[in-house]
Every structure is written in C-alpha cells, then in structure tokens.
PDB file of N, CA and C in Angstrom:
ATOM      1  N   MET A   1      -2.797  -4.854   8.630  1.00  0.00           N
ATOM      2  CA  MET A   1      -3.241  -4.219   7.426  1.00  0.00           C
ATOM      3  C   MET A   1      -2.141  -4.087   6.398  1.00  0.00           C
ATOM      4  N   PRO A   2      -0.922  -3.690   6.745  1.00  0.00           N
ATOM      5  CA  PRO A   2       0.107  -3.676   5.703  1.00  0.00           C
ATOM      6  C   PRO A   2       0.493  -5.094   5.280  1.00  0.00           C
ATOM      7  N   LEU A   3       0.756  -5.235   4.005  1.00  0.00           N
ATOM      8  CA  LEU A   3       1.168  -6.515   3.434  1.00  0.00           C
ATOM      9  C   LEU A   3       2.367  -6.274   2.532  1.00  0.00           C
ATOM     10  N   ILE A   4       3.365  -7.136   2.663  1.00  0.00           N
ATOM     11  CA  ILE A   4       4.455  -7.157   1.688  1.00  0.00           C
ATOM     12  C   ILE A   4       4.557  -8.586   1.182  1.00  0.00           C
ATOM     13  N   GLN A   5       4.407  -8.729  -0.127  1.00  0.00           N
ATOM     14  CA  GLN A   5       4.429 -10.034  -0.763  1.00  0.00           C
ATOM     15  C   GLN A   5       5.537 -10.049  -1.808  1.00  0.00           C
ATOM     16  N   VAL A   6       6.409 -11.028  -1.714  1.00  0.00           N
ATOM     17  CA  VAL A   6       7.558 -11.145  -2.607  1.00  0.00           C
ATOM     18  C   VAL A   6       7.379 -12.375  -3.489  1.00  0.00           C
ATOM     19  N   LYS A   7       7.478 -12.178  -4.797  1.00  0.00           N
ATOM     20  CA  LYS A   7       7.489 -13.282  -5.762  1.00  0.00           C
ATOM     21  C   LYS A   7       8.778 -13.176  -6.542  1.00  0.00           C
ATOM     22  N   THR A   8       9.459 -14.298  -6.675  1.00  0.00           N
ATOM     23  CA  THR A   8      10.736 -14.279  -7.383  1.00  0.00           C
ATOM     24  C   THR A   8      10.945 -15.558  -8.177  1.00  0.00           C
ATOM     25  N   SER A   9      11.721 -15.431  -9.230  1.00  0.00           N
ATOM     26  CA  SER A   9      12.110 -16.606  -9.997  1.00  0.00           C
ATOM     27  C   SER A   9      13.355 -17.265  -9.409  1.00  0.00           C
ATOM     28  N   ALA A  10      13.971 -16.605  -8.447  1.00  0.00           N
ATOM     29  CA  ALA A  10      15.174 -17.153  -7.810  1.00  0.00           C
ATOM     30  C   ALA A  10      14.829 -18.409  -7.019  1.00  0.00           C
ATOM     31  N   VAL A  11      15.827 -19.238  -6.850  1.00  0.00           N
ATOM     32  CA  VAL A  11      15.675 -20.454  -6.060  1.00  0.00           C
ATOM     33  C   VAL A  11      15.491 -20.065  -4.592  1.00  0.00           C
ATOM     34  N   ALA A  12      14.589 -20.739  -3.933  1.00  0.00           N
ATOM     35  CA  ALA A  12      14.306 -20.431  -2.530  1.00  0.00           C
ATOM     36  C   ALA A  12      15.512 -20.767  -1.654  1.00  0.00           C
ATOM     37  N   PRO A  13      15.879 -19.837  -0.781  1.00  0.00           N
ATOM     38  CA  PRO A  13      16.920 -20.164   0.196  1.00  0.00           C
ATOM     39  C   PRO A  13      16.344 -21.127   1.237  1.00  0.00           C
ATOM     40  N   GLU A  14      17.175 -21.524   2.179  1.00  0.00           N
ATOM     41  CA  GLU A  14      16.713 -22.425   3.232  1.00  0.00           C
ATOM     42  C   GLU A  14      15.604 -21.767   4.040  1.00  0.00           C
ATOM     43  N   LYS A  15      14.784 -22.597   4.683  1.00  0.00           N
ATOM     44  CA  LYS A  15      13.622 -22.112   5.428  1.00  0.00           C
ATOM     45  C   LYS A  15      13.996 -21.063   6.471  1.00  0.00           C
ATOM     46  N   THR A  16      15.082 -21.262   7.181  1.00  0.00           N
ATOM     47  CA  THR A  16      15.474 -20.291   8.211  1.00  0.00           C
ATOM     48  C   THR A  16      15.844 -18.951   7.588  1.00  0.00           C
ATOM     49  N   ALA A  17      16.448 -18.974   6.411  1.00  0.00           N
ATOM     50  CA  ALA A  17      16.795 -17.726   5.720  1.00  0.00           C
ATOM     51  C   ALA A  17      15.531 -16.998   5.265  1.00  0.00           C
ATOM     52  N   ILE A  18      14.551 -17.750   4.772  1.00  0.00           N
ATOM     53  CA  ILE A  18      13.278 -17.146   4.358  1.00  0.00           C
ATOM     54  C   ILE A  18      12.581 -16.526   5.565  1.00  0.00           C
ATOM     55  N   GLU A  19      12.531 -17.267   6.661  1.00  0.00           N
ATOM     56  CA  GLU A  19      11.883 -16.745   7.870  1.00  0.00           C
ATOM     57  C   GLU A  19      12.579 -15.479   8.358  1.00  0.00           C
ATOM     58  N   GLY A  20      13.912 -15.452   8.307  1.00  0.00           N
ATOM     59  CA  GLY A  20      14.657 -14.258   8.699  1.00  0.00           C
ATOM     60  C   GLY A  20      14.350 -13.080   7.798  1.00  0.00           C
ATOM     61  N   LEU A  21      14.270 -13.333   6.486  1.00  0.00           N
ATOM     62  CA  LEU A  21      13.937 -12.282   5.529  1.00  0.00           C
ATOM     63  C   LEU A  21      12.542 -11.739   5.804  1.00  0.00           C
ATOM     64  N   LEU A  22      11.582 -12.619   6.013  1.00  0.00           N
ATOM     65  CA  LEU A  22      10.210 -12.181   6.260  1.00  0.00           C
ATOM     66  C   LEU A  22      10.103 -11.346   7.534  1.00  0.00           C
ATOM     67  N   LYS A  23      10.814 -11.732   8.561  1.00  0.00           N
ATOM     68  CA  LYS A  23      10.806 -10.960   9.805  1.00  0.00           C
ATOM     69  C   LYS A  23      11.437  -9.588   9.589  1.00  0.00           C
ATOM     70  N   GLN A  24      12.503  -9.539   8.809  1.00  0.00           N
ATOM     71  CA  GLN A  24      13.166  -8.270   8.505  1.00  0.00           C
ATOM     72  C   GLN A  24      12.238  -7.353   7.699  1.00  0.00           C
ATOM     73  N   LEU A  25      11.583  -7.928   6.688  1.00  0.00           N
ATOM     74  CA  LEU A  25      10.655  -7.151   5.872  1.00  0.00           C
ATOM     75  C   LEU A  25       9.481  -6.648   6.703  1.00  0.00           C
ATOM     76  N   SER A  26       8.983  -7.466   7.604  1.00  0.00           N
ATOM     77  CA  SER A  26       7.877  -7.082   8.475  1.00  0.00           C
ATOM     78  C   SER A  26       8.241  -5.881   9.337  1.00  0.00           C
ATOM     79  N   SER A  27       9.390  -5.961   9.969  1.00  0.00           N
ATOM     80  CA  SER A  27       9.850  -4.874  10.832  1.00  0.00           C
ATOM     81  C   SER A  27      10.056  -3.588  10.041  1.00  0.00           C
ATOM     82  N   LYS A  28      10.692  -3.715   8.885  1.00  0.00           N
ATOM     83  CA  LYS A  28      10.961  -2.530   8.067  1.00  0.00           C
ATOM     84  C   LYS A  28       9.680  -1.902   7.535  1.00  0.00           C
ATOM     85  N   LEU A  29       8.726  -2.734   7.109  1.00  0.00           N
ATOM     86  CA  LEU A  29       7.478  -2.191   6.584  1.00  0.00           C
ATOM     87  C   LEU A  29       6.716  -1.436   7.672  1.00  0.00           C
ATOM     88  N   ALA A  30       6.657  -2.008   8.864  1.00  0.00           N
ATOM     89  CA  ALA A  30       5.995  -1.322   9.978  1.00  0.00           C
ATOM     90  C   ALA A  30       6.663   0.025  10.242  1.00  0.00           C
ATOM     91  N   GLY A  31       7.974   0.046  10.216  1.00  0.00           N
ATOM     92  CA  GLY A  31       8.708   1.290  10.449  1.00  0.00           C
ATOM     93  C   GLY A  31       8.461   2.339   9.381  1.00  0.00           C
ATOM     94  N   HIS A  32       8.494   1.917   8.129  1.00  0.00           N
ATOM     95  CA  HIS A  32       8.268   2.861   7.022  1.00  0.00           C
ATOM     96  C   HIS A  32       6.873   3.471   7.072  1.00  0.00           C
ATOM     97  N   LEU A  33       5.893   2.654   7.451  1.00  0.00           N
ATOM     98  CA  LEU A  33       4.510   3.115   7.426  1.00  0.00           C
ATOM     99  C   LEU A  33       4.039   3.682   8.762  1.00  0.00           C
ATOM    100  N   GLY A  34       4.838   3.503   9.807  1.00  0.00           N
ATOM    101  CA  GLY A  34       4.440   3.984  11.121  1.00  0.00           C
ATOM    102  C   GLY A  34       3.229   3.246  11.667  1.00  0.00           C
ATOM    103  N   LYS A  35       3.144   1.952  11.352  1.00  0.00           N
ATOM    104  CA  LYS A  35       2.017   1.139  11.806  1.00  0.00           C
ATOM    105  C   LYS A  35       2.533   0.016  12.696  1.00  0.00           C
ATOM    106  N   PRO A  36       1.678  -0.501  13.587  1.00  0.00           N
ATOM    107  CA  PRO A  36       2.128  -1.579  14.469  1.00  0.00           C
ATOM    108  C   PRO A  36       2.486  -2.837  13.685  1.00  0.00           C
ATOM    109  N   GLU A  37       3.612  -3.433  14.032  1.00  0.00           N
ATOM    110  CA  GLU A  37       4.027  -4.651  13.339  1.00  0.00           C
ATOM    111  C   GLU A  37       3.041  -5.789  13.587  1.00  0.00           C
ATOM    112  N   SER A  38       2.278  -5.714  14.641  1.00  0.00           N
ATOM    113  CA  SER A  38       1.312  -6.767  14.956  1.00  0.00           C
ATOM    114  C   SER A  38       0.255  -6.922  13.861  1.00  0.00           C
ATOM    115  N   TYR A  39       0.117  -5.952  12.964  1.00  0.00           N
ATOM    116  CA  TYR A  39      -0.832  -6.029  11.850  1.00  0.00           C
ATOM    117  C   TYR A  39      -0.154  -6.349  10.516  1.00  0.00           C
ATOM    118  N   VAL A  40       1.156  -6.407  10.468  1.00  0.00           N
ATOM    119  CA  VAL A  40       1.875  -6.605   9.202  1.00  0.00           C
ATOM    120  C   VAL A  40       1.864  -8.080   8.812  1.00  0.00           C
ATOM    121  N   MET A  41       1.581  -8.346   7.532  1.00  0.00           N
ATOM    122  CA  MET A  41       1.651  -9.699   6.981  1.00  0.00           C
ATOM    123  C   MET A  41       2.736  -9.720   5.901  1.00  0.00           C
ATOM    124  N   THR A  42       3.487 -10.814   5.872  1.00  0.00           N
ATOM    125  CA  THR A  42       4.525 -10.997   4.853  1.00  0.00           C
ATOM    126  C   THR A  42       4.296 -12.328   4.142  1.00  0.00           C
ATOM    127  N   ALA A  43       4.732 -12.403   2.896  1.00  0.00           N
ATOM    128  CA  ALA A  43       4.638 -13.641   2.127  1.00  0.00           C
ATOM    129  C   ALA A  43       5.831 -13.712   1.178  1.00  0.00           C
ATOM    130  N   PHE A  44       6.304 -14.924   0.919  1.00  0.00           N
ATOM    131  CA  PHE A  44       7.445 -15.133   0.036  1.00  0.00           C
ATOM    132  C   PHE A  44       7.163 -16.336  -0.835  1.00  0.00           C
ATOM    133  N   ASP A  45       7.291 -16.161  -2.129  1.00  0.00           N
ATOM    134  CA  ASP A  45       7.054 -17.226  -3.097  1.00  0.00           C
ATOM    135  C   ASP A  45       8.239 -17.267  -4.053  1.00  0.00           C
ATOM    136  N   ALA A  46       8.991 -18.355  -4.016  1.00  0.00           N
ATOM    137  CA  ALA A  46      10.185 -18.493  -4.868  1.00  0.00           C
ATOM    138  C   ALA A  46       9.940 -19.520  -5.970  1.00  0.00           C
ATOM    139  N   ASP A  47      10.902 -19.601  -6.873  1.00  0.00           N
ATOM    140  CA  ASP A  47      10.852 -20.550  -7.997  1.00  0.00           C
ATOM    141  C   ASP A  47       9.632 -20.318  -8.890  1.00  0.00           C
ATOM    142  N   VAL A  48       9.174 -19.078  -8.982  1.00  0.00           N
ATOM    143  CA  VAL A  48       8.028 -18.734  -9.819  1.00  0.00           C
ATOM    144  C   VAL A  48       8.532 -18.495 -11.240  1.00  0.00           C
ATOM    145  N   PRO A  49       7.967 -19.160 -12.247  1.00  0.00           N
ATOM    146  CA  PRO A  49       8.380 -18.881 -13.624  1.00  0.00           C
ATOM    147  C   PRO A  49       8.067 -17.419 -13.965  1.00  0.00           C
ATOM    148  N   MET A  50       9.102 -16.653 -14.292  1.00  0.00           N
ATOM    149  CA  MET A  50       8.948 -15.230 -14.566  1.00  0.00           C
ATOM    150  C   MET A  50       9.967 -14.801 -15.616  1.00  0.00           C
ATOM    151  N   THR A  51       9.656 -13.719 -16.314  1.00  0.00           N
ATOM    152  CA  THR A  51      10.624 -13.079 -17.201  1.00  0.00           C
ATOM    153  C   THR A  51      10.646 -11.596 -16.894  1.00  0.00           C
ATOM    154  N   PHE A  52      11.725 -10.957 -17.284  1.00  0.00           N
ATOM    155  CA  PHE A  52      11.849  -9.497 -17.188  1.00  0.00           C
ATOM    156  C   PHE A  52      12.790  -9.079 -18.302  1.00  0.00           C
ATOM    157  N   GLY A  53      12.373  -8.126 -19.110  1.00  0.00           N
ATOM    158  CA  GLY A  53      13.204  -7.680 -20.222  1.00  0.00           C
ATOM    159  C   GLY A  53      13.478  -8.776 -21.233  1.00  0.00           C
ATOM    160  N   GLY A  54      12.553  -9.745 -21.305  1.00  0.00           N
ATOM    161  CA  GLY A  54      12.696 -10.815 -22.285  1.00  0.00           C
ATOM    162  C   GLY A  54      13.641 -11.922 -21.888  1.00  0.00           C
ATOM    163  N   THR A  55      14.130 -11.913 -20.630  1.00  0.00           N
ATOM    164  CA  THR A  55      15.027 -12.979 -20.188  1.00  0.00           C
ATOM    165  C   THR A  55      14.468 -13.661 -18.947  1.00  0.00           C
ATOM    166  N   THR A  56      14.979 -14.835 -18.672  1.00  0.00           N
ATOM    167  CA  THR A  56      14.590 -15.582 -17.476  1.00  0.00           C
ATOM    168  C   THR A  56      15.640 -15.467 -16.370  1.00  0.00           C
ATOM    169  N   ASP A  57      16.556 -14.493 -16.502  1.00  0.00           N
ATOM    170  CA  ASP A  57      17.492 -14.240 -15.401  1.00  0.00           C
ATOM    171  C   ASP A  57      16.669 -13.938 -14.153  1.00  0.00           C
ATOM    172  N   PRO A  58      17.233 -14.190 -12.957  1.00  0.00           N
ATOM    173  CA  PRO A  58      16.465 -13.971 -11.727  1.00  0.00           C
ATOM    174  C   PRO A  58      15.808 -12.593 -11.676  1.00  0.00           C
ATOM    175  N   VAL A  59      14.543 -12.594 -11.263  1.00  0.00           N
ATOM    176  CA  VAL A  59      13.712 -11.402 -11.221  1.00  0.00           C
ATOM    177  C   VAL A  59      12.863 -11.450  -9.955  1.00  0.00           C
ATOM    178  N   CYS A  60      12.379 -10.286  -9.546  1.00  0.00           N
ATOM    179  CA  CYS A  60      11.567 -10.214  -8.338  1.00  0.00           C
ATOM    180  C   CYS A  60      10.441  -9.202  -8.529  1.00  0.00           C
ATOM    181  N   TYR A  61       9.272  -9.541  -8.007  1.00  0.00           N
ATOM    182  CA  TYR A  61       8.114  -8.651  -7.990  1.00  0.00           C
ATOM    183  C   TYR A  61       7.634  -8.564  -6.550  1.00  0.00           C
ATOM    184  N   ILE A  62       7.476  -7.339  -6.061  1.00  0.00           N
ATOM    185  CA  ILE A  62       7.056  -7.115  -4.680  1.00  0.00           C
ATOM    186  C   ILE A  62       5.775  -6.288  -4.693  1.00  0.00           C
ATOM    187  N   GLU A  63       4.805  -6.724  -3.907  1.00  0.00           N
ATOM    188  CA  GLU A  63       3.586  -5.949  -3.706  1.00  0.00           C
ATOM    189  C   GLU A  63       3.587  -5.419  -2.278  1.00  0.00           C
ATOM    190  N   ILE A  64       3.332  -4.147  -2.136  1.00  0.00           N
ATOM    191  CA  ILE A  64       3.193  -3.534  -0.823  1.00  0.00           C
ATOM    192  C   ILE A  64       1.833  -2.856  -0.790  1.00  0.00           C
ATOM    193  N   LYS A  65       0.987  -3.326   0.133  1.00  0.00           N
ATOM    194  CA  LYS A  65      -0.361  -2.785   0.259  1.00  0.00           C
ATOM    195  C   LYS A  65      -0.572  -2.314   1.688  1.00  0.00           C
ATOM    196  N   SER A  66      -1.340  -1.247   1.817  1.00  0.00           N
ATOM    197  CA  SER A  66      -1.623  -0.705   3.136  1.00  0.00           C
ATOM    198  C   SER A  66      -2.884   0.134   3.084  1.00  0.00           C
ATOM    199  N   ILE A  67      -3.488   0.312   4.243  1.00  0.00           N
ATOM    200  CA  ILE A  67      -4.604   1.241   4.370  1.00  0.00           C
ATOM    201  C   ILE A  67      -4.007   2.606   4.675  1.00  0.00           C
ATOM    202  N   GLY A  68      -4.459   3.592   3.969  1.00  0.00           N
ATOM    203  CA  GLY A  68      -3.931   4.934   4.195  1.00  0.00           C
ATOM    204  C   GLY A  68      -3.312   5.472   2.932  1.00  0.00           C
ATOM    205  N   ASN A  69      -2.608   6.533   3.084  1.00  0.00           N
ATOM    206  CA  ASN A  69      -2.011   7.189   1.931  1.00  0.00           C
ATOM    207  C   ASN A  69      -0.495   7.135   2.017  1.00  0.00           C
ATOM    208  N   MET A  70       0.087   6.258   1.218  1.00  0.00           N
ATOM    209  CA  MET A  70       1.544   6.246   1.122  1.00  0.00           C
ATOM    210  C   MET A  70       1.930   7.444   0.258  1.00  0.00           C
ATOM    211  N   ASN A  71       2.911   8.177   0.709  1.00  0.00           N
ATOM    212  CA  ASN A  71       3.327   9.354  -0.059  1.00  0.00           C
ATOM    213  C   ASN A  71       4.584   9.038  -0.864  1.00  0.00           C
ATOM    214  N   PRO A  72       4.917   9.878  -1.834  1.00  0.00           N
ATOM    215  CA  PRO A  72       6.072   9.621  -2.693  1.00  0.00           C
ATOM    216  C   PRO A  72       7.390   9.458  -1.928  1.00  0.00           C
ATOM    217  N   ALA A  73       7.579  10.205  -0.855  1.00  0.00           N
ATOM    218  CA  ALA A  73       8.817  10.055  -0.075  1.00  0.00           C
ATOM    219  C   ALA A  73       8.881   8.673   0.558  1.00  0.00           C
ATOM    220  N   GLN A  74       7.751   8.181   1.074  1.00  0.00           N
ATOM    221  CA  GLN A  74       7.711   6.845   1.675  1.00  0.00           C
ATOM    222  C   GLN A  74       7.981   5.769   0.632  1.00  0.00           C
ATOM    223  N   THR A  75       7.313   5.859  -0.520  1.00  0.00           N
ATOM    224  CA  THR A  75       7.481   4.806  -1.524  1.00  0.00           C
ATOM    225  C   THR A  75       8.901   4.791  -2.078  1.00  0.00           C
ATOM    226  N   LYS A  76       9.502   5.954  -2.233  1.00  0.00           N
ATOM    227  CA  LYS A  76      10.887   6.001  -2.699  1.00  0.00           C
ATOM    228  C   LYS A  76      11.826   5.357  -1.681  1.00  0.00           C
ATOM    229  N   ALA A  77      11.641   5.687  -0.401  1.00  0.00           N
ATOM    230  CA  ALA A  77      12.479   5.105   0.652  1.00  0.00           C
ATOM    231  C   ALA A  77      12.272   3.597   0.750  1.00  0.00           C
ATOM    232  N   MET A  78      11.024   3.162   0.629  1.00  0.00           N
ATOM    233  CA  MET A  78      10.755   1.718   0.682  1.00  0.00           C
ATOM    234  C   MET A  78      11.356   1.003  -0.526  1.00  0.00           C
ATOM    235  N   SER A  79      11.262   1.603  -1.685  1.00  0.00           N
ATOM    236  CA  SER A  79      11.830   0.987  -2.879  1.00  0.00           C
ATOM    237  C   SER A  79      13.329   0.764  -2.704  1.00  0.00           C
ATOM    238  N   GLU A  80      14.021   1.783  -2.242  1.00  0.00           N
ATOM    239  CA  GLU A  80      15.463   1.654  -2.015  1.00  0.00           C
ATOM    240  C   GLU A  80      15.763   0.585  -0.972  1.00  0.00           C
ATOM    241  N   ASP A  81      15.065   0.644   0.147  1.00  0.00           N
ATOM    242  CA  ASP A  81      15.305  -0.276   1.257  1.00  0.00           C
ATOM    243  C   ASP A  81      15.010  -1.724   0.869  1.00  0.00           C
ATOM    244  N   PHE A  82      13.834  -1.970   0.292  1.00  0.00           N
ATOM    245  CA  PHE A  82      13.441  -3.337  -0.009  1.00  0.00           C
ATOM    246  C   PHE A  82      14.222  -3.922  -1.188  1.00  0.00           C
ATOM    247  N   CYS A  83      14.584  -3.112  -2.156  1.00  0.00           N
ATOM    248  CA  CYS A  83      15.441  -3.605  -3.246  1.00  0.00           C
ATOM    249  C   CYS A  83      16.803  -4.047  -2.702  1.00  0.00           C
ATOM    250  N   GLN A  84      17.369  -3.258  -1.803  1.00  0.00           N
ATOM    251  CA  GLN A  84      18.654  -3.633  -1.187  1.00  0.00           C
ATOM    252  C   GLN A  84      18.518  -4.918  -0.380  1.00  0.00           C
ATOM    253  N   GLU A  85      17.436  -5.019   0.381  1.00  0.00           N
ATOM    254  CA  GLU A  85      17.214  -6.204   1.223  1.00  0.00           C
ATOM    255  C   GLU A  85      17.067  -7.459   0.373  1.00  0.00           C
ATOM    256  N   ILE A  86      16.315  -7.380  -0.709  1.00  0.00           N
ATOM    257  CA  ILE A  86      16.113  -8.532  -1.597  1.00  0.00           C
ATOM    258  C   ILE A  86      17.419  -8.916  -2.287  1.00  0.00           C
ATOM    259  N   GLU A  87      18.168  -7.918  -2.748  1.00  0.00           N
ATOM    260  CA  GLU A  87      19.442  -8.216  -3.409  1.00  0.00           C
ATOM    261  C   GLU A  87      20.385  -8.921  -2.441  1.00  0.00           C
ATOM    262  N   LYS A  88      20.430  -8.438  -1.213  1.00  0.00           N
ATOM    263  CA  LYS A  88      21.298  -9.038  -0.193  1.00  0.00           C
ATOM    264  C   LYS A  88      20.838 -10.452   0.162  1.00  0.00           C
ATOM    265  N   ALA A  89      19.531 -10.652   0.291  1.00  0.00           N
ATOM    266  CA  ALA A  89      19.001 -11.929   0.766  1.00  0.00           C
ATOM    267  C   ALA A  89      18.950 -13.019  -0.292  1.00  0.00           C
ATOM    268  N   ILE A  90      18.546 -12.662  -1.529  1.00  0.00           N
ATOM    269  CA  ILE A  90      18.378 -13.710  -2.540  1.00  0.00           C
ATOM    270  C   ILE A  90      19.140 -13.445  -3.828  1.00  0.00           C
ATOM    271  N   GLY A  91      19.849 -12.317  -3.899  1.00  0.00           N
ATOM    272  CA  GLY A  91      20.727 -12.063  -5.030  1.00  0.00           C
ATOM    273  C   GLY A  91      20.080 -11.481  -6.270  1.00  0.00           C
ATOM    274  N   VAL A  92      18.815 -11.088  -6.200  1.00  0.00           N
ATOM    275  CA  VAL A  92      18.175 -10.478  -7.374  1.00  0.00           C
ATOM    276  C   VAL A  92      18.539  -8.992  -7.389  1.00  0.00           C
ATOM    277  N   PRO A  93      19.175  -8.527  -8.467  1.00  0.00           N
ATOM    278  CA  PRO A  93      19.577  -7.114  -8.534  1.00  0.00           C
ATOM    279  C   PRO A  93      18.378  -6.164  -8.515  1.00  0.00           C
ATOM    280  N   ALA A  94      18.583  -5.002  -7.935  1.00  0.00           N
ATOM    281  CA  ALA A  94      17.530  -3.981  -7.858  1.00  0.00           C
ATOM    282  C   ALA A  94      16.994  -3.641  -9.246  1.00  0.00           C
ATOM    283  N   LYS A  95      17.854  -3.671 -10.253  1.00  0.00           N
ATOM    284  CA  LYS A  95      17.411  -3.324 -11.603  1.00  0.00           C
ATOM    285  C   LYS A  95      16.507  -4.396 -12.218  1.00  0.00           C
ATOM    286  N   ARG A  96      16.350  -5.531 -11.520  1.00  0.00           N
ATOM    287  CA  ARG A  96      15.448  -6.589 -11.978  1.00  0.00           C
ATOM    288  C   ARG A  96      14.315  -6.820 -10.979  1.00  0.00           C
ATOM    289  N   THR A  97      14.005  -5.780 -10.224  1.00  0.00           N
ATOM    290  CA  THR A  97      12.943  -5.854  -9.226  1.00  0.00           C
ATOM    291  C   THR A  97      11.932  -4.739  -9.462  1.00  0.00           C
ATOM    292  N   TYR A  98      10.681  -5.127  -9.564  1.00  0.00           N
ATOM    293  CA  TYR A  98       9.576  -4.166  -9.612  1.00  0.00           C
ATOM    294  C   TYR A  98       8.850  -4.206  -8.270  1.00  0.00           C
ATOM    295  N   ILE A  99       8.391  -3.034  -7.834  1.00  0.00           N
ATOM    296  CA  ILE A  99       7.582  -2.945  -6.623  1.00  0.00           C
ATOM    297  C   ILE A  99       6.300  -2.203  -6.958  1.00  0.00           C
ATOM    298  N   GLU A 100       5.176  -2.798  -6.575  1.00  0.00           N
ATOM    299  CA  GLU A 100       3.881  -2.145  -6.738  1.00  0.00           C
ATOM    300  C   GLU A 100       3.392  -1.701  -5.365  1.00  0.00           C
ATOM    301  N   PHE A 101       3.109  -0.419  -5.228  1.00  0.00           N
ATOM    302  CA  PHE A 101       2.572   0.135  -3.994  1.00  0.00           C
ATOM    303  C   PHE A 101       1.087   0.381  -4.201  1.00  0.00           C
ATOM    304  N   ALA A 102       0.261  -0.054  -3.257  1.00  0.00           N
ATOM    305  CA  ALA A 102      -1.177   0.134  -3.388  1.00  0.00           C
ATOM    306  C   ALA A 102      -1.790   0.510  -2.050  1.00  0.00           C
ATOM    307  N   ASP A 103      -2.544   1.601  -2.059  1.00  0.00           N
ATOM    308  CA  ASP A 103      -3.329   2.001  -0.894  1.00  0.00           C
ATOM    309  C   ASP A 103      -4.718   1.384  -1.018  1.00  0.00           C
ATOM    310  N   ALA A 104      -5.202   0.804   0.063  1.00  0.00           N
ATOM    311  CA  ALA A 104      -6.544   0.231   0.072  1.00  0.00           C
ATOM    312  C   ALA A 104      -7.474   1.127   0.883  1.00  0.00           C
ATOM    313  N   GLU A 105      -8.688   1.227   0.420  1.00  0.00           N
ATOM    314  CA  GLU A 105      -9.688   1.919   1.213  1.00  0.00           C
ATOM    315  C   GLU A 105     -10.031   1.040   2.411  1.00  0.00           C
ATOM    316  N   ARG A 106     -10.339   1.662   3.538  1.00  0.00           N
ATOM    317  CA  ARG A 106     -10.595   0.933   4.782  1.00  0.00           C
ATOM    318  C   ARG A 106     -11.690  -0.134   4.612  1.00  0.00           C
ATOM    319  N   ALA A 107     -12.731   0.171   3.865  1.00  0.00           N
ATOM    320  CA  ALA A 107     -13.828  -0.768   3.677  1.00  0.00           C
ATOM    321  C   ALA A 107     -13.447  -1.930   2.760  1.00  0.00           C
ATOM    322  N   MET A 108     -12.315  -1.801   2.062  1.00  0.00           N
ATOM    323  CA  MET A 108     -11.885  -2.833   1.116  1.00  0.00           C
ATOM    324  C   MET A 108     -10.814  -3.753   1.701  1.00  0.00           C
ATOM    325  N   TRP A 109     -10.601  -3.681   3.018  1.00  0.00           N
ATOM    326  CA  TRP A 109      -9.597  -4.524   3.667  1.00  0.00           C
ATOM    327  C   TRP A 109     -10.278  -5.207   4.851  1.00  0.00           C
ATOM    328  N   GLY A 110     -10.410  -6.516   4.769  1.00  0.00           N
ATOM    329  CA  GLY A 110     -11.089  -7.265   5.816  1.00  0.00           C
ATOM    330  C   GLY A 110     -10.129  -7.898   6.807  1.00  0.00           C
ATOM    331  N   TRP A 111     -10.642  -8.074   8.023  1.00  0.00           N
ATOM    332  CA  TRP A 111      -9.871  -8.737   9.087  1.00  0.00           C
ATOM    333  C   TRP A 111     -10.808  -9.098  10.227  1.00  0.00           C
ATOM    334  N   ASN A 112     -10.608 -10.251  10.778  1.00  0.00           N
ATOM    335  CA  ASN A 112     -11.313 -10.666  11.987  1.00  0.00           C
ATOM    336  C   ASN A 112     -12.840 -10.603  11.813  1.00  0.00           C
ATOM    337  N   GLY A 113     -13.306 -10.993  10.637  1.00  0.00           N
ATOM    338  CA  GLY A 113     -14.738 -11.026  10.378  1.00  0.00           C
ATOM    339  C   GLY A 113     -15.384  -9.680  10.090  1.00  0.00           C
ATOM    340  N   SER A 114     -14.583  -8.660   9.894  1.00  0.00           N
ATOM    341  CA  SER A 114     -15.102  -7.321   9.622  1.00  0.00           C
ATOM    342  C   SER A 114     -14.168  -6.621   8.648  1.00  0.00           C
ATOM    343  N   THR A 115     -14.243  -5.310   8.579  1.00  0.00           N
ATOM    344  CA  THR A 115     -13.310  -4.519   7.782  1.00  0.00           C
ATOM    345  C   THR A 115     -12.746  -3.429   8.677  1.00  0.00           C
ATOM    346  N   PHE A 116     -11.815  -2.662   8.142  1.00  0.00           N
ATOM    347  CA  PHE A 116     -11.224  -1.562   8.902  1.00  0.00           C
ATOM    348  C   PHE A 116     -12.029  -0.260   8.772  1.00  0.00           C
ATOM    349  N   ALA A 117     -13.207  -0.319   8.110  1.00  0.00           N
ATOM    350  CA  ALA A 117     -14.053   0.878   7.956  1.00  0.00           C
ATOM    351  C   ALA A 117     -14.750   1.227   9.252  1.00  0.00           C
TER     352      ALA A 117
END
C-alpha cells in the first residue's frame, strides 16, 4: 500500500545504484509508516525534463502515498530523511526537492483484484 515515487531531472545513476536506492527507500518508508515492507512499492524516473524556481538545475519531486493517516511528525521526519537520501544518492539538494504526501482512503487503493476496504 505505501508508495514512494521519485522523479528527477538528474541523470540516472547506474542500474545497481538505482536498485540500491529503491531498496533503501522501501525499507525507510516501511519503518516511518510502521507498515510491512512486503506491501511497499518504489519507483524511480530520471532524466525527466523539469524546472524549479525558473531554472533547469537538477530538481526532484517525490510522491509518498499510503493508506491511513500520516501525521505531521511523520511527514516532517520523512521529508528530512528522504531529502538527505536523495541528495546523497543523486546529488539533488534538499532545497530543490519537493515531496507530496497523500493519504488514500482504503476503498481508493486497489490490489490483487480488490481494494483494501
């Protein structure tokens, strides 16, 4: 049910580096949300044409979605953690990264031919 999706204008690192980043993000997201990692999905999309503040300097957009209620303490901790992880992994500064947090209603999240309702 939890999803973390990363879109960046930065050049994609090697496949093994991307896979390592995705595994790290998966583990961290499960930990932050207290949900089993077996349900976490990750995605990474690089070389996306993007701007931020009117420039094409490297930028990153992260979507974090989950069923349930993420609270302000969780989102603040995740923002700090994931911004640091992205800066370390692909070099996009935290000040050029936006994160969107979204809670989904159980009936609005499908899996395995059904929903979580």
